[in-house]
Amino acid sequence: MDKKSIITGVVIGLVSNAVGLFIVCLFTAKMSERSGGVTAVLEAAISEDFIGKLISLGAILNLICFFYFIRKKKDGHAGGILIATILIAVGTFIIKL
């Protein structure tokens, strides 16, 4: 595993988590019929202290990316995604404190 593939995996992991968070917020906005859309859901999540749960749900896309890279035998990328997932978990834990 070289450093470049690990860094690429970390970036892919962070981006896929951001995309997953957007999808979860979009789905939540559609289900609750909030007028503000994604931004209203994010503001409500911050004010009502459930942003950590949304971030954790957004990390599900990391699982898909991780298994994709394992299947393609790109262990460096998969390791980077694992590192990004751990960083997200630590960040979520800090938010909950």
PDB file of N, CA and C in Angstrom:
ATOM      1  N   MET A   1       0.850  -1.187   0.000  1.00  0.00           N
ATOM      2  CA  MET A   1       0.000   0.000   0.000  1.00  0.00           C
ATOM      3  C   MET A   1       0.888   1.240   0.000  1.00  0.00           C
ATOM      4  N   ASP A   2       0.674   2.084  -0.956  1.00  0.00           N
ATOM      5  CA  ASP A   2       1.426   3.325  -0.996  1.00  0.00           C
ATOM      6  C   ASP A   2       0.590   4.468  -0.431  1.00  0.00           C
ATOM      7  N   LYS A   3       1.281   5.545  -0.096  1.00  0.00           N
ATOM      8  CA  LYS A   3       0.613   6.675   0.555  1.00  0.00           C
ATOM      9  C   LYS A   3      -0.420   7.338  -0.339  1.00  0.00           C
ATOM     10  N   LYS A   4      -0.149   7.367  -1.638  1.00  0.00           N
ATOM     11  CA  LYS A   4      -1.070   8.036  -2.558  1.00  0.00           C
ATOM     12  C   LYS A   4      -2.437   7.341  -2.594  1.00  0.00           C
ATOM     13  N   SER A   5      -2.437   6.017  -2.610  1.00  0.00           N
ATOM     14  CA  SER A   5      -3.714   5.306  -2.654  1.00  0.00           C
ATOM     15  C   SER A   5      -4.458   5.423  -1.327  1.00  0.00           C
ATOM     16  N   ILE A   6      -3.721   5.483  -0.223  1.00  0.00           N
ATOM     17  CA  ILE A   6      -4.370   5.659   1.075  1.00  0.00           C
ATOM     18  C   ILE A   6      -5.008   7.046   1.159  1.00  0.00           C
ATOM     19  N   ILE A   7      -4.286   8.071   0.722  1.00  0.00           N
ATOM     20  CA  ILE A   7      -4.822   9.435   0.739  1.00  0.00           C
ATOM     21  C   ILE A   7      -6.035   9.532  -0.183  1.00  0.00           C
ATOM     22  N   THR A   8      -5.957   8.896  -1.338  1.00  0.00           N
ATOM     23  CA  THR A   8      -7.095   8.878  -2.253  1.00  0.00           C
ATOM     24  C   THR A   8      -8.298   8.193  -1.597  1.00  0.00           C
ATOM     25  N   GLY A   9      -8.056   7.108  -0.883  1.00  0.00           N
ATOM     26  CA  GLY A   9      -9.124   6.417  -0.182  1.00  0.00           C
ATOM     27  C   GLY A   9      -9.746   7.276   0.912  1.00  0.00           C
ATOM     28  N   VAL A  10      -8.918   8.035   1.637  1.00  0.00           N
ATOM     29  CA  VAL A  10      -9.442   8.928   2.672  1.00  0.00           C
ATOM     30  C   VAL A  10     -10.332   9.994   2.043  1.00  0.00           C
ATOM     31  N   VAL A  11      -9.877  10.566   0.937  1.00  0.00           N
ATOM     32  CA  VAL A  11     -10.673  11.601   0.259  1.00  0.00           C
ATOM     33  C   VAL A  11     -11.987  11.009  -0.248  1.00  0.00           C
ATOM     34  N   ILE A  12     -11.912   9.831  -0.848  1.00  0.00           N
ATOM     35  CA  ILE A  12     -13.129   9.172  -1.334  1.00  0.00           C
ATOM     36  C   ILE A  12     -14.068   8.875  -0.165  1.00  0.00           C
ATOM     37  N   GLY A  13     -13.523   8.448   0.966  1.00  0.00           N
ATOM     38  CA  GLY A  13     -14.337   8.168   2.140  1.00  0.00           C
ATOM     39  C   GLY A  13     -15.026   9.408   2.678  1.00  0.00           C
ATOM     40  N   LEU A  14     -14.313  10.527   2.740  1.00  0.00           N
ATOM     41  CA  LEU A  14     -14.912  11.768   3.238  1.00  0.00           C
ATOM     42  C   LEU A  14     -15.974  12.301   2.273  1.00  0.00           C
ATOM     43  N   VAL A  15     -15.682  12.219   0.979  1.00  0.00           N
ATOM     44  CA  VAL A  15     -16.648  12.693  -0.019  1.00  0.00           C
ATOM     45  C   VAL A  15     -17.889  11.803  -0.029  1.00  0.00           C
ATOM     46  N   SER A  16     -17.684  10.491   0.058  1.00  0.00           N
ATOM     47  CA  SER A  16     -18.853   9.602   0.054  1.00  0.00           C
ATOM     48  C   SER A  16     -19.687   9.797   1.320  1.00  0.00           C
ATOM     49  N   ASN A  17     -19.052  10.124   2.433  1.00  0.00           N
ATOM     50  CA  ASN A  17     -19.825  10.418   3.639  1.00  0.00           C
ATOM     51  C   ASN A  17     -20.610  11.711   3.474  1.00  0.00           C
ATOM     52  N   ALA A  18     -20.011  12.713   2.848  1.00  0.00           N
ATOM     53  CA  ALA A  18     -20.729  13.967   2.605  1.00  0.00           C
ATOM     54  C   ALA A  18     -21.915  13.741   1.672  1.00  0.00           C
ATOM     55  N   VAL A  19     -21.715  12.943   0.645  1.00  0.00           N
ATOM     56  CA  VAL A  19     -22.814  12.619  -0.277  1.00  0.00           C
ATOM     57  C   VAL A  19     -23.893  11.824   0.451  1.00  0.00           C
ATOM     58  N   GLY A  20     -23.475  10.879   1.279  1.00  0.00           N
ATOM     59  CA  GLY A  20     -24.434  10.102   2.055  1.00  0.00           C
ATOM     60  C   GLY A  20     -25.221  10.969   3.025  1.00  0.00           C
ATOM     61  N   LEU A  21     -24.547  11.930   3.658  1.00  0.00           N
ATOM     62  CA  LEU A  21     -25.234  12.861   4.556  1.00  0.00           C
ATOM     63  C   LEU A  21     -26.254  13.690   3.789  1.00  0.00           C
ATOM     64  N   PHE A  22     -25.882  14.137   2.590  1.00  0.00           N
ATOM     65  CA  PHE A  22     -26.812  14.898   1.760  1.00  0.00           C
ATOM     66  C   PHE A  22     -28.033  14.057   1.384  1.00  0.00           C
ATOM     67  N   ILE A  23     -27.801  12.797   1.022  1.00  0.00           N
ATOM     68  CA  ILE A  23     -28.909  11.914   0.644  1.00  0.00           C
ATOM     69  C   ILE A  23     -29.830  11.664   1.834  1.00  0.00           C
ATOM     70  N   VAL A  24     -29.249  11.441   3.007  1.00  0.00           N
ATOM     71  CA  VAL A  24     -30.066  11.217   4.210  1.00  0.00           C
ATOM     72  C   VAL A  24     -30.871  12.468   4.538  1.00  0.00           C
ATOM     73  N   CYS A  25     -30.238  13.637   4.441  1.00  0.00           N
ATOM     74  CA  CYS A  25     -30.965  14.884   4.715  1.00  0.00           C
ATOM     75  C   CYS A  25     -32.057  15.123   3.679  1.00  0.00           C
ATOM     76  N   LEU A  26     -31.774  14.821   2.432  1.00  0.00           N
ATOM     77  CA  LEU A  26     -32.773  14.978   1.380  1.00  0.00           C
ATOM     78  C   LEU A  26     -33.956  14.045   1.618  1.00  0.00           C
ATOM     79  N   PHE A  27     -33.665  12.812   1.962  1.00  0.00           N
ATOM     80  CA  PHE A  27     -34.722  11.840   2.256  1.00  0.00           C
ATOM     81  C   PHE A  27     -35.541  12.276   3.469  1.00  0.00           C
ATOM     82  N   THR A  28     -34.861  12.759   4.501  1.00  0.00           N
ATOM     83  CA  THR A  28     -35.549  13.221   5.702  1.00  0.00           C
ATOM     84  C   THR A  28     -36.414  14.437   5.399  1.00  0.00           C
ATOM     85  N   ALA A  29     -35.911  15.339   4.553  1.00  0.00           N
ATOM     86  CA  ALA A  29     -36.691  16.524   4.185  1.00  0.00           C
ATOM     87  C   ALA A  29     -37.938  16.134   3.406  1.00  0.00           C
ATOM     88  N   LYS A  30     -37.809  15.158   2.519  1.00  0.00           N
ATOM     89  CA  LYS A  30     -38.976  14.715   1.747  1.00  0.00           C
ATOM     90  C   LYS A  30     -40.005  14.019   2.642  1.00  0.00           C
ATOM     91  N   MET A  31     -39.515  13.234   3.602  1.00  0.00           N
ATOM     92  CA  MET A  31     -40.429  12.507   4.482  1.00  0.00           C
ATOM     93  C   MET A  31     -41.150  13.440   5.462  1.00  0.00           C
ATOM     94  N   SER A  32     -40.432  14.467   5.937  1.00  0.00           N
ATOM     95  CA  SER A  32     -41.048  15.371   6.913  1.00  0.00           C
ATOM     96  C   SER A  32     -41.702  16.578   6.254  1.00  0.00           C
ATOM     97  N   GLU A  33     -41.510  16.709   4.951  1.00  0.00           N
ATOM     98  CA  GLU A  33     -42.087  17.798   4.156  1.00  0.00           C
ATOM     99  C   GLU A  33     -41.703  19.176   4.706  1.00  0.00           C
ATOM    100  N   ARG A  34     -40.421  19.307   5.072  1.00  0.00           N
ATOM    101  CA  ARG A  34     -39.931  20.615   5.522  1.00  0.00           C
ATOM    102  C   ARG A  34     -39.779  21.524   4.312  1.00  0.00           C
ATOM    103  N   SER A  35     -40.121  22.778   4.485  1.00  0.00           N
ATOM    104  CA  SER A  35     -40.108  23.702   3.358  1.00  0.00           C
ATOM    105  C   SER A  35     -38.694  24.119   2.966  1.00  0.00           C
ATOM    106  N   GLY A  36     -37.757  24.080   3.884  1.00  0.00           N
ATOM    107  CA  GLY A  36     -36.404  24.539   3.607  1.00  0.00           C
ATOM    108  C   GLY A  36     -35.512  23.507   2.969  1.00  0.00           C
ATOM    109  N   GLY A  37     -35.939  22.275   2.895  1.00  0.00           N
ATOM    110  CA  GLY A  37     -35.161  21.220   2.275  1.00  0.00           C
ATOM    111  C   GLY A  37     -34.015  20.751   3.158  1.00  0.00           C
ATOM    112  N   VAL A  38     -32.883  20.518   2.518  1.00  0.00           N
ATOM    113  CA  VAL A  38     -31.722  19.958   3.196  1.00  0.00           C
ATOM    114  C   VAL A  38     -31.200  20.910   4.267  1.00  0.00           C
ATOM    115  N   THR A  39     -31.163  22.196   3.974  1.00  0.00           N
ATOM    116  CA  THR A  39     -30.633  23.143   4.961  1.00  0.00           C
ATOM    117  C   THR A  39     -31.509  23.196   6.202  1.00  0.00           C
ATOM    118  N   ALA A  40     -32.815  23.096   6.029  1.00  0.00           N
ATOM    119  CA  ALA A  40     -33.718  23.094   7.194  1.00  0.00           C
ATOM    120  C   ALA A  40     -33.494  21.851   8.042  1.00  0.00           C
ATOM    121  N   VAL A  41     -33.258  20.717   7.393  1.00  0.00           N
ATOM    122  CA  VAL A  41     -33.004  19.485   8.141  1.00  0.00           C
ATOM    123  C   VAL A  41     -31.687  19.600   8.901  1.00  0.00           C
ATOM    124  N   LEU A  42     -30.658  20.140   8.256  1.00  0.00           N
ATOM    125  CA  LEU A  42     -29.369  20.299   8.937  1.00  0.00           C
ATOM    126  C   LEU A  42     -29.469  21.273  10.106  1.00  0.00           C
ATOM    127  N   GLU A  43     -30.176  22.371   9.916  1.00  0.00           N
ATOM    128  CA  GLU A  43     -30.354  23.329  11.013  1.00  0.00           C
ATOM    129  C   GLU A  43     -31.131  22.704  12.165  1.00  0.00           C
ATOM    130  N   ALA A  44     -32.171  21.940  11.847  1.00  0.00           N
ATOM    131  CA  ALA A  44     -32.942  21.264  12.891  1.00  0.00           C
ATOM    132  C   ALA A  44     -32.093  20.208  13.593  1.00  0.00           C
ATOM    133  N   ALA A  45     -31.263  19.515  12.830  1.00  0.00           N
ATOM    134  CA  ALA A  45     -30.402  18.483  13.421  1.00  0.00           C
ATOM    135  C   ALA A  45     -29.392  19.097  14.382  1.00  0.00           C
ATOM    136  N   ILE A  46     -28.866  20.251  14.025  1.00  0.00           N
ATOM    137  CA  ILE A  46     -27.905  20.911  14.903  1.00  0.00           C
ATOM    138  C   ILE A  46     -28.600  21.434  16.150  1.00  0.00           C
ATOM    139  N   SER A  47     -29.755  22.071  15.967  1.00  0.00           N
ATOM    140  CA  SER A  47     -30.445  22.654  17.122  1.00  0.00           C
ATOM    141  C   SER A  47     -31.056  21.594  18.042  1.00  0.00           C
ATOM    142  N   GLU A  48     -31.494  20.477  17.481  1.00  0.00           N
ATOM    143  CA  GLU A  48     -32.107  19.426  18.286  1.00  0.00           C
ATOM    144  C   GLU A  48     -31.121  18.320  18.656  1.00  0.00           C
ATOM    145  N   ASP A  49     -29.860  18.511  18.305  1.00  0.00           N
ATOM    146  CA  ASP A  49     -28.756  17.635  18.708  1.00  0.00           C
ATOM    147  C   ASP A  49     -28.893  16.192  18.202  1.00  0.00           C
ATOM    148  N   PHE A  50     -29.227  16.031  16.914  1.00  0.00           N
ATOM    149  CA  PHE A  50     -29.179  14.699  16.330  1.00  0.00           C
ATOM    150  C   PHE A  50     -28.353  14.686  15.040  1.00  0.00           C
ATOM    151  N   ILE A  51     -27.435  15.647  14.936  1.00  0.00           N
ATOM    152  CA  ILE A  51     -26.562  15.709  13.761  1.00  0.00           C
ATOM    153  C   ILE A  51     -25.627  14.499  13.699  1.00  0.00           C
ATOM    154  N   GLY A  52     -25.216  13.981  14.860  1.00  0.00           N
ATOM    155  CA  GLY A  52     -24.354  12.807  14.887  1.00  0.00           C
ATOM    156  C   GLY A  52     -25.012  11.592  14.268  1.00  0.00           C
ATOM    157  N   LYS A  53     -26.302  11.461  14.471  1.00  0.00           N
ATOM    158  CA  LYS A  53     -27.029  10.336  13.892  1.00  0.00           C
ATOM    159  C   LYS A  53     -27.099  10.454  12.374  1.00  0.00           C
ATOM    160  N   LEU A  54     -27.282  11.666  11.881  1.00  0.00           N
ATOM    161  CA  LEU A  54     -27.324  11.860  10.428  1.00  0.00           C
ATOM    162  C   LEU A  54     -25.959  11.589   9.803  1.00  0.00           C
ATOM    163  N   ILE A  55     -24.904  12.036  10.477  1.00  0.00           N
ATOM    164  CA  ILE A  55     -23.551  11.786   9.964  1.00  0.00           C
ATOM    165  C   ILE A  55     -23.260  10.293   9.942  1.00  0.00           C
ATOM    166  N   SER A  56     -23.679   9.594  10.981  1.00  0.00           N
ATOM    167  CA  SER A  56     -23.477   8.142  11.028  1.00  0.00           C
ATOM    168  C   SER A  56     -24.241   7.428   9.921  1.00  0.00           C
ATOM    169  N   LEU A  57     -25.451   7.866   9.646  1.00  0.00           N
ATOM    170  CA  LEU A  57     -26.211   7.270   8.543  1.00  0.00           C
ATOM    171  C   LEU A  57     -25.565   7.578   7.196  1.00  0.00           C
ATOM    172  N   GLY A  58     -24.965   8.754   7.088  1.00  0.00           N
ATOM    173  CA  GLY A  58     -24.279   9.112   5.847  1.00  0.00           C
ATOM    174  C   GLY A  58     -23.061   8.243   5.580  1.00  0.00           C
ATOM    175  N   ALA A  59     -22.496   7.660   6.632  1.00  0.00           N
ATOM    176  CA  ALA A  59     -21.304   6.827   6.479  1.00  0.00           C
ATOM    177  C   ALA A  59     -21.609   5.459   5.884  1.00  0.00           C
ATOM    178  N   ILE A  60     -22.864   5.163   5.639  1.00  0.00           N
ATOM    179  CA  ILE A  60     -23.210   3.868   5.036  1.00  0.00           C
ATOM    180  C   ILE A  60     -22.617   3.750   3.631  1.00  0.00           C
ATOM    181  N   LEU A  61     -22.509   4.862   2.933  1.00  0.00           N
ATOM    182  CA  LEU A  61     -21.889   4.815   1.594  1.00  0.00           C
ATOM    183  C   LEU A  61     -20.426   4.390   1.666  1.00  0.00           C
ATOM    184  N   ASN A  62     -19.758   4.668   2.785  1.00  0.00           N
ATOM    185  CA  ASN A  62     -18.374   4.218   2.953  1.00  0.00           C
ATOM    186  C   ASN A  62     -18.288   2.699   2.921  1.00  0.00           C
ATOM    187  N   LEU A  63     -19.291   2.047   3.469  1.00  0.00           N
ATOM    188  CA  LEU A  63     -19.330   0.589   3.465  1.00  0.00           C
ATOM    189  C   LEU A  63     -19.370   0.051   2.042  1.00  0.00           C
ATOM    190  N   ILE A  64     -20.178   0.672   1.216  1.00  0.00           N
ATOM    191  CA  ILE A  64     -20.279   0.251  -0.185  1.00  0.00           C
ATOM    192  C   ILE A  64     -18.953   0.472  -0.909  1.00  0.00           C
ATOM    193  N   CYS A  65     -18.359   1.653  -0.702  1.00  0.00           N
ATOM    194  CA  CYS A  65     -17.065   1.944  -1.332  1.00  0.00           C
ATOM    195  C   CYS A  65     -15.976   0.996  -0.841  1.00  0.00           C
ATOM    196  N   PHE A  66     -15.977   0.711   0.459  1.00  0.00           N
ATOM    197  CA  PHE A  66     -14.972  -0.177   1.041  1.00  0.00           C
ATOM    198  C   PHE A  66     -15.025  -1.559   0.386  1.00  0.00           C
ATOM    199  N   PHE A  67     -16.222  -2.139   0.311  1.00  0.00           N
ATOM    200  CA  PHE A  67     -16.335  -3.466  -0.282  1.00  0.00           C
ATOM    201  C   PHE A  67     -16.065  -3.457  -1.787  1.00  0.00           C
ATOM    202  N   TYR A  68     -16.352  -2.349  -2.450  1.00  0.00           N
ATOM    203  CA  TYR A  68     -16.016  -2.242  -3.872  1.00  0.00           C
ATOM    204  C   TYR A  68     -14.501  -2.320  -4.069  1.00  0.00           C
ATOM    205  N   PHE A  69     -13.756  -1.555  -3.267  1.00  0.00           N
ATOM    206  CA  PHE A  69     -12.298  -1.559  -3.422  1.00  0.00           C
ATOM    207  C   PHE A  69     -11.671  -2.866  -2.953  1.00  0.00           C
ATOM    208  N   ILE A  70     -12.260  -3.514  -1.965  1.00  0.00           N
ATOM    209  CA  ILE A  70     -11.769  -4.835  -1.555  1.00  0.00           C
ATOM    210  C   ILE A  70     -11.959  -5.830  -2.693  1.00  0.00           C
ATOM    211  N   ARG A  71     -13.120  -5.757  -3.344  1.00  0.00           N
ATOM    212  CA  ARG A  71     -13.404  -6.679  -4.438  1.00  0.00           C
ATOM    213  C   ARG A  71     -12.457  -6.452  -5.625  1.00  0.00           C
ATOM    214  N   LYS A  72     -12.095  -5.185  -5.871  1.00  0.00           N
ATOM    215  CA  LYS A  72     -11.185  -4.860  -6.967  1.00  0.00           C
ATOM    216  C   LYS A  72      -9.716  -5.035  -6.587  1.00  0.00           C
ATOM    217  N   LYS A  73      -9.475  -5.500  -5.346  1.00  0.00           N
ATOM    218  CA  LYS A  73      -8.131  -5.742  -4.825  1.00  0.00           C
ATOM    219  C   LYS A  73      -7.294  -4.461  -4.764  1.00  0.00           C
ATOM    220  N   LYS A  74      -7.927  -3.373  -4.389  1.00  0.00           N
ATOM    221  CA  LYS A  74      -7.235  -2.106  -4.168  1.00  0.00           C
ATOM    222  C   LYS A  74      -7.228  -1.839  -2.669  1.00  0.00           C
ATOM    223  N   ASP A  75      -6.298  -2.513  -1.994  1.00  0.00           N
ATOM    224  CA  ASP A  75      -6.274  -2.489  -0.539  1.00  0.00           C
ATOM    225  C   ASP A  75      -5.904  -1.116   0.019  1.00  0.00           C
ATOM    226  N   GLY A  76      -5.104  -0.352  -0.703  1.00  0.00           N
ATOM    227  CA  GLY A  76      -4.738   0.987  -0.242  1.00  0.00           C
ATOM    228  C   GLY A  76      -5.946   1.912  -0.182  1.00  0.00           C
ATOM    229  N   HIS A  77      -6.750   1.874  -1.218  1.00  0.00           N
ATOM    230  CA  HIS A  77      -7.970   2.681  -1.240  1.00  0.00           C
ATOM    231  C   HIS A  77      -8.928   2.238  -0.127  1.00  0.00           C
ATOM    232  N   ALA A  78      -9.071   0.926   0.040  1.00  0.00           N
ATOM    233  CA  ALA A  78      -9.961   0.407   1.086  1.00  0.00           C
ATOM    234  C   ALA A  78      -9.453   0.805   2.470  1.00  0.00           C
ATOM    235  N   GLY A  79      -8.152   0.779   2.667  1.00  0.00           N
ATOM    236  CA  GLY A  79      -7.582   1.211   3.943  1.00  0.00           C
ATOM    237  C   GLY A  79      -7.827   2.691   4.197  1.00  0.00           C
ATOM    238  N   GLY A  80      -7.731   3.498   3.152  1.00  0.00           N
ATOM    239  CA  GLY A  80      -8.018   4.924   3.285  1.00  0.00           C
ATOM    240  C   GLY A  80      -9.468   5.177   3.650  1.00  0.00           C
ATOM    241  N   ILE A  81     -10.371   4.420   3.066  1.00  0.00           N
ATOM    242  CA  ILE A  81     -11.792   4.556   3.406  1.00  0.00           C
ATOM    243  C   ILE A  81     -12.025   4.136   4.853  1.00  0.00           C
ATOM    244  N   LEU A  82     -11.323   3.110   5.298  1.00  0.00           N
ATOM    245  CA  LEU A  82     -11.427   2.691   6.695  1.00  0.00           C
ATOM    246  C   LEU A  82     -10.925   3.787   7.631  1.00  0.00           C
ATOM    247  N   ILE A  83      -9.825   4.433   7.274  1.00  0.00           N
ATOM    248  CA  ILE A  83      -9.302   5.542   8.070  1.00  0.00           C
ATOM    249  C   ILE A  83     -10.308   6.690   8.112  1.00  0.00           C
ATOM    250  N   ALA A  84     -10.911   7.015   6.959  1.00  0.00           N
ATOM    251  CA  ALA A  84     -11.911   8.086   6.918  1.00  0.00           C
ATOM    252  C   ALA A  84     -13.113   7.741   7.788  1.00  0.00           C
ATOM    253  N   THR A  85     -13.527   6.486   7.773  1.00  0.00           N
ATOM    254  CA  THR A  85     -14.664   6.068   8.590  1.00  0.00           C
ATOM    255  C   THR A  85     -14.337   6.183  10.077  1.00  0.00           C
ATOM    256  N   ILE A  86     -13.113   5.835  10.448  1.00  0.00           N
ATOM    257  CA  ILE A  86     -12.695   5.976  11.840  1.00  0.00           C
ATOM    258  C   ILE A  86     -12.651   7.444  12.235  1.00  0.00           C
ATOM    259  N   LEU A  87     -12.148   8.305  11.348  1.00  0.00           N
ATOM    260  CA  LEU A  87     -12.134   9.745  11.629  1.00  0.00           C
ATOM    261  C   LEU A  87     -13.549  10.291  11.808  1.00  0.00           C
ATOM    262  N   ILE A  88     -14.457   9.833  10.991  1.00  0.00           N
ATOM    263  CA  ILE A  88     -15.849  10.268  11.096  1.00  0.00           C
ATOM    264  C   ILE A  88     -16.455   9.778  12.406  1.00  0.00           C
ATOM    265  N   ALA A  89     -16.139   8.548  12.793  1.00  0.00           N
ATOM    266  CA  ALA A  89     -16.651   8.012  14.060  1.00  0.00           C
ATOM    267  C   ALA A  89     -16.114   8.813  15.248  1.00  0.00           C
ATOM    268  N   VAL A  90     -14.830   9.161  15.221  1.00  0.00           N
ATOM    269  CA  VAL A  90     -14.245   9.957  16.303  1.00  0.00           C
ATOM    270  C   VAL A  90     -14.866  11.350  16.320  1.00  0.00           C
ATOM    271  N   GLY A  91     -15.058  11.946  15.144  1.00  0.00           N
ATOM    272  CA  GLY A  91     -15.691  13.256  15.067  1.00  0.00           C
ATOM    273  C   GLY A  91     -17.115  13.236  15.589  1.00  0.00           C
ATOM    274  N   THR A  92     -17.852  12.183  15.263  1.00  0.00           N
ATOM    275  CA  THR A  92     -19.212  12.044  15.759  1.00  0.00           C
ATOM    276  C   THR A  92     -19.223  11.872  17.278  1.00  0.00           C
ATOM    277  N   PHE A  93     -18.253  11.127  17.786  1.00  0.00           N
ATOM    278  CA  PHE A  93     -18.151  10.951  19.230  1.00  0.00           C
ATOM    279  C   PHE A  93     -17.853  12.277  19.929  1.00  0.00           C
ATOM    280  N   ILE A  94     -16.987  13.072  19.336  1.00  0.00           N
ATOM    281  CA  ILE A  94     -16.663  14.390  19.910  1.00  0.00           C
ATOM    282  C   ILE A  94     -17.877  15.297  19.882  1.00  0.00           C
ATOM    283  N   ILE A  95     -18.643  15.241  18.814  1.00  0.00           N
ATOM    284  CA  ILE A  95     -19.865  16.051  18.726  1.00  0.00           C
ATOM    285  C   ILE A  95     -20.845  15.669  19.833  1.00  0.00           C
ATOM    286  N   LYS A  96     -20.939  14.384  20.144  1.00  0.00           N
ATOM    287  CA  LYS A  96     -21.877  13.916  21.163  1.00  0.00           C
ATOM    288  C   LYS A  96     -21.471  14.332  22.581  1.00  0.00           C
ATOM    289  N   LEU A  97     -20.213  14.675  22.778  1.00  0.00           N
ATOM    290  CA  LEU A  97     -19.777  15.114  24.118  1.00  0.00           C
ATOM    291  C   LEU A  97     -20.312  16.468  24.343  1.00  0.00           C
TER     292      LEU A  97
END
